[in-house]
Amino acid sequence: MVDVTNDPERHGREGALAALKEAAQDPAMQKQHGPAAESFEPEDYEHLIALAWRYQFDDDRSKFKRELRELQEHVSNRILARLELNG
C-alpha cells in the first residue's frame, strides 16, 4: 500500500477511491445488494478510504475496526430508514 507520506499528491488514495466507486456502481453489484448498495453516499466511500489509509500500517487494528463498525452502523441505520419509508 501507499503511505500518505509517499503519496503527497494523493494519487494512490484517489485511485483507491475511484476503484471503490467503480465497483459500487457495477450493475451486478447493485443488483446483488439492491437497497443496501443504494444507501451508500459519496462521503461514505471517502470515509471508508480515509479509515483504511489512516490505519494501513497500524499493528493494532482495534481502532480501525471500531471506526469501521461505526460507519457500518451509520449506513445500516440509513438502510433501515429507507426500508421503513418504502415499506
N, C-alpha and C. Protein backbone atom coordinates (compact mmCIF):
# COMPACT_ATOMS: atom_id res chain seq x y z
N MET A 1 0.83 -1.19 0.00
CA MET A 1 0.00 0.00 0.00
C MET A 1 0.87 1.25 0.00
N VAL A 2 0.29 2.31 -0.40
CA VAL A 2 1.00 3.58 -0.46
C VAL A 2 0.79 4.32 0.85
N ASP A 3 1.87 4.71 1.48
CA ASP A 3 1.79 5.52 2.70
C ASP A 3 1.50 6.95 2.28
N VAL A 4 0.70 7.65 3.05
CA VAL A 4 0.34 9.03 2.71
C VAL A 4 1.58 9.91 2.59
N THR A 5 2.64 9.60 3.33
CA THR A 5 3.87 10.40 3.22
C THR A 5 4.56 10.14 1.89
N ASN A 6 4.29 9.00 1.28
CA ASN A 6 4.85 8.69 -0.03
C ASN A 6 3.88 9.07 -1.15
N ASP A 7 2.80 9.67 -0.80
CA ASP A 7 1.74 10.00 -1.77
C ASP A 7 1.25 11.42 -1.52
N PRO A 8 2.15 12.41 -1.56
CA PRO A 8 1.76 13.77 -1.19
C PRO A 8 0.67 14.36 -2.08
N GLU A 9 0.58 13.90 -3.30
CA GLU A 9 -0.45 14.43 -4.21
C GLU A 9 -1.72 13.58 -4.17
N ARG A 10 -1.75 12.58 -3.31
CA ARG A 10 -2.92 11.75 -3.06
C ARG A 10 -3.36 10.90 -4.25
N HIS A 11 -2.46 10.61 -5.18
CA HIS A 11 -2.85 9.81 -6.34
C HIS A 11 -3.27 8.40 -5.94
N GLY A 12 -2.54 7.78 -5.02
CA GLY A 12 -2.88 6.43 -4.58
C GLY A 12 -4.23 6.38 -3.89
N ARG A 13 -4.45 7.34 -3.02
CA ARG A 13 -5.71 7.41 -2.28
C ARG A 13 -6.88 7.67 -3.22
N GLU A 14 -6.69 8.56 -4.16
CA GLU A 14 -7.76 8.86 -5.12
C GLU A 14 -8.02 7.67 -6.03
N GLY A 15 -6.96 6.93 -6.37
CA GLY A 15 -7.12 5.73 -7.18
C GLY A 15 -7.92 4.67 -6.44
N ALA A 16 -7.64 4.50 -5.16
CA ALA A 16 -8.39 3.54 -4.35
C ALA A 16 -9.86 3.94 -4.26
N LEU A 17 -10.11 5.23 -4.08
CA LEU A 17 -11.48 5.73 -4.01
C LEU A 17 -12.20 5.52 -5.34
N ALA A 18 -11.52 5.79 -6.44
CA ALA A 18 -12.12 5.59 -7.76
C ALA A 18 -12.46 4.12 -7.99
N ALA A 19 -11.57 3.22 -7.58
CA ALA A 19 -11.82 1.79 -7.74
C ALA A 19 -13.01 1.34 -6.90
N LEU A 20 -13.11 1.85 -5.69
CA LEU A 20 -14.23 1.50 -4.81
C LEU A 20 -15.55 1.99 -5.41
N LYS A 21 -15.56 3.21 -5.91
CA LYS A 21 -16.78 3.76 -6.52
C LYS A 21 -17.16 2.99 -7.78
N GLU A 22 -16.15 2.60 -8.57
CA GLU A 22 -16.43 1.84 -9.78
C GLU A 22 -17.06 0.50 -9.45
N ALA A 23 -16.53 -0.17 -8.43
CA ALA A 23 -17.11 -1.45 -8.01
C ALA A 23 -18.53 -1.26 -7.50
N ALA A 24 -18.77 -0.19 -6.76
CA ALA A 24 -20.09 0.07 -6.20
C ALA A 24 -21.12 0.39 -7.28
N GLN A 25 -20.67 0.95 -8.39
CA GLN A 25 -21.59 1.33 -9.47
C GLN A 25 -21.79 0.22 -10.48
N ASP A 26 -21.12 -0.90 -10.28
CA ASP A 26 -21.25 -2.03 -11.19
C ASP A 26 -22.69 -2.56 -11.12
N PRO A 27 -23.36 -2.71 -12.27
CA PRO A 27 -24.75 -3.16 -12.26
C PRO A 27 -24.96 -4.50 -11.53
N ALA A 28 -24.02 -5.42 -11.67
CA ALA A 28 -24.16 -6.71 -10.99
C ALA A 28 -24.11 -6.52 -9.47
N MET A 29 -23.24 -5.64 -9.01
CA MET A 29 -23.13 -5.36 -7.58
C MET A 29 -24.42 -4.72 -7.07
N GLN A 30 -24.95 -3.77 -7.83
CA GLN A 30 -26.18 -3.10 -7.43
C GLN A 30 -27.36 -4.07 -7.43
N LYS A 31 -27.40 -4.97 -8.41
CA LYS A 31 -28.48 -5.95 -8.46
C LYS A 31 -28.39 -6.92 -7.28
N GLN A 32 -27.17 -7.34 -6.97
CA GLN A 32 -26.97 -8.31 -5.89
C GLN A 32 -27.31 -7.73 -4.52
N HIS A 33 -26.99 -6.45 -4.31
CA HIS A 33 -27.15 -5.86 -2.98
C HIS A 33 -28.29 -4.85 -2.89
N GLY A 34 -28.95 -4.56 -3.98
CA GLY A 34 -30.15 -3.73 -4.01
C GLY A 34 -30.14 -2.49 -3.14
N PRO A 35 -31.10 -2.39 -2.22
CA PRO A 35 -31.25 -1.18 -1.39
C PRO A 35 -30.00 -0.86 -0.56
N ALA A 36 -29.27 -1.88 -0.16
CA ALA A 36 -28.06 -1.63 0.64
C ALA A 36 -27.04 -0.86 -0.19
N ALA A 37 -26.85 -1.26 -1.44
CA ALA A 37 -25.88 -0.58 -2.30
C ALA A 37 -26.31 0.86 -2.58
N GLU A 38 -27.61 1.07 -2.70
CA GLU A 38 -28.12 2.41 -2.98
C GLU A 38 -28.03 3.32 -1.76
N SER A 39 -27.85 2.76 -0.59
CA SER A 39 -27.83 3.55 0.64
C SER A 39 -26.49 4.21 0.91
N PHE A 40 -25.45 3.78 0.22
CA PHE A 40 -24.15 4.42 0.39
C PHE A 40 -24.14 5.75 -0.33
N GLU A 41 -23.56 6.74 0.31
CA GLU A 41 -23.43 8.07 -0.27
C GLU A 41 -21.95 8.34 -0.52
N PRO A 42 -21.62 9.29 -1.39
CA PRO A 42 -20.21 9.55 -1.72
C PRO A 42 -19.31 9.74 -0.50
N GLU A 43 -19.81 10.41 0.52
CA GLU A 43 -18.96 10.63 1.70
C GLU A 43 -18.70 9.32 2.46
N ASP A 44 -19.57 8.32 2.31
CA ASP A 44 -19.33 7.02 2.94
C ASP A 44 -18.10 6.36 2.33
N TYR A 45 -17.99 6.42 1.01
CA TYR A 45 -16.83 5.85 0.34
C TYR A 45 -15.56 6.59 0.73
N GLU A 46 -15.65 7.91 0.79
CA GLU A 46 -14.49 8.71 1.19
C GLU A 46 -14.08 8.38 2.62
N HIS A 47 -15.05 8.19 3.50
CA HIS A 47 -14.78 7.83 4.89
C HIS A 47 -14.10 6.47 4.96
N LEU A 48 -14.57 5.52 4.19
CA LEU A 48 -14.00 4.18 4.18
C LEU A 48 -12.54 4.19 3.73
N ILE A 49 -12.25 4.91 2.66
CA ILE A 49 -10.87 5.01 2.18
C ILE A 49 -10.01 5.74 3.20
N ALA A 50 -10.54 6.79 3.81
CA ALA A 50 -9.77 7.53 4.83
C ALA A 50 -9.43 6.62 6.00
N LEU A 51 -10.37 5.78 6.43
CA LEU A 51 -10.10 4.83 7.51
C LEU A 51 -8.99 3.86 7.13
N ALA A 52 -9.12 3.29 5.97
CA ALA A 52 -8.11 2.32 5.52
C ALA A 52 -6.74 2.98 5.42
N TRP A 53 -6.71 4.19 4.90
CA TRP A 53 -5.44 4.90 4.74
C TRP A 53 -4.83 5.25 6.10
N ARG A 54 -5.66 5.70 7.01
CA ARG A 54 -5.18 6.13 8.32
C ARG A 54 -4.55 4.98 9.09
N TYR A 55 -5.11 3.79 8.96
CA TYR A 55 -4.67 2.67 9.78
C TYR A 55 -3.90 1.60 9.00
N GLN A 56 -3.45 1.91 7.79
CA GLN A 56 -2.84 0.88 6.96
C GLN A 56 -1.58 0.26 7.56
N PHE A 57 -0.83 1.00 8.35
CA PHE A 57 0.39 0.45 8.93
C PHE A 57 0.29 0.29 10.44
N ASP A 58 -0.90 0.40 10.98
CA ASP A 58 -1.11 0.29 12.41
C ASP A 58 -1.28 -1.19 12.78
N ASP A 59 -0.38 -1.69 13.61
CA ASP A 59 -0.47 -3.10 14.01
C ASP A 59 -1.69 -3.37 14.88
N ASP A 60 -2.14 -2.38 15.60
CA ASP A 60 -3.32 -2.53 16.46
C ASP A 60 -4.55 -2.17 15.63
N ARG A 61 -5.27 -3.18 15.17
CA ARG A 61 -6.41 -2.96 14.27
C ARG A 61 -7.68 -2.58 15.03
N SER A 62 -7.63 -2.47 16.35
CA SER A 62 -8.84 -2.22 17.12
C SER A 62 -9.46 -0.86 16.79
N LYS A 63 -8.65 0.17 16.59
CA LYS A 63 -9.20 1.49 16.24
C LYS A 63 -9.88 1.44 14.88
N PHE A 64 -9.21 0.79 13.92
CA PHE A 64 -9.78 0.65 12.59
C PHE A 64 -11.11 -0.09 12.66
N LYS A 65 -11.13 -1.20 13.38
CA LYS A 65 -12.35 -2.00 13.48
C LYS A 65 -13.47 -1.22 14.16
N ARG A 66 -13.13 -0.47 15.20
CA ARG A 66 -14.15 0.31 15.92
C ARG A 66 -14.75 1.37 14.99
N GLU A 67 -13.90 2.11 14.28
CA GLU A 67 -14.41 3.16 13.39
C GLU A 67 -15.15 2.56 12.20
N LEU A 68 -14.71 1.40 11.74
CA LEU A 68 -15.42 0.74 10.64
C LEU A 68 -16.80 0.28 11.10
N ARG A 69 -16.90 -0.22 12.33
CA ARG A 69 -18.22 -0.60 12.87
C ARG A 69 -19.13 0.61 12.99
N GLU A 70 -18.56 1.76 13.38
CA GLU A 70 -19.37 2.98 13.48
C GLU A 70 -19.92 3.38 12.12
N LEU A 71 -19.08 3.28 11.09
CA LEU A 71 -19.54 3.59 9.73
C LEU A 71 -20.60 2.58 9.30
N GLN A 72 -20.39 1.32 9.59
CA GLN A 72 -21.36 0.28 9.25
C GLN A 72 -22.70 0.55 9.93
N GLU A 73 -22.66 0.93 11.19
CA GLU A 73 -23.89 1.22 11.93
C GLU A 73 -24.62 2.41 11.31
N HIS A 74 -23.86 3.43 10.93
CA HIS A 74 -24.44 4.63 10.31
C HIS A 74 -25.16 4.26 9.01
N VAL A 75 -24.49 3.48 8.16
CA VAL A 75 -25.10 3.09 6.89
C VAL A 75 -26.27 2.13 7.12
N SER A 76 -26.14 1.23 8.08
CA SER A 76 -27.24 0.31 8.39
C SER A 76 -28.48 1.05 8.83
N ASN A 77 -28.30 2.07 9.64
CA ASN A 77 -29.45 2.89 10.07
C ASN A 77 -30.09 3.58 8.88
N ARG A 78 -29.29 4.03 7.94
CA ARG A 78 -29.82 4.66 6.73
C ARG A 78 -30.61 3.65 5.91
N ILE A 79 -30.10 2.42 5.81
CA ILE A 79 -30.80 1.37 5.06
C ILE A 79 -32.15 1.08 5.71
N LEU A 80 -32.15 0.93 7.03
CA LEU A 80 -33.41 0.66 7.74
C LEU A 80 -34.41 1.79 7.57
N ALA A 81 -33.94 3.02 7.62
CA ALA A 81 -34.83 4.17 7.44
C ALA A 81 -35.44 4.17 6.05
N ARG A 82 -34.64 3.83 5.03
CA ARG A 82 -35.18 3.78 3.67
C ARG A 82 -36.20 2.66 3.52
N LEU A 83 -35.91 1.53 4.14
CA LEU A 83 -36.86 0.41 4.06
C LEU A 83 -38.18 0.75 4.74
N GLU A 84 -38.11 1.46 5.86
CA GLU A 84 -39.33 1.87 6.56
C GLU A 84 -40.15 2.85 5.72
N LEU A 85 -39.46 3.75 5.01
CA LEU A 85 -40.16 4.71 4.16
C LEU A 85 -40.83 4.01 2.98
N ASN A 86 -40.16 3.00 2.44
CA ASN A 86 -40.70 2.29 1.27
C ASN A 86 -41.66 1.17 1.65
N GLY A 87 -41.68 0.80 2.93
CA GLY A 87 -42.50 -0.35 3.36
C GLY A 87 -43.82 0.06 3.79
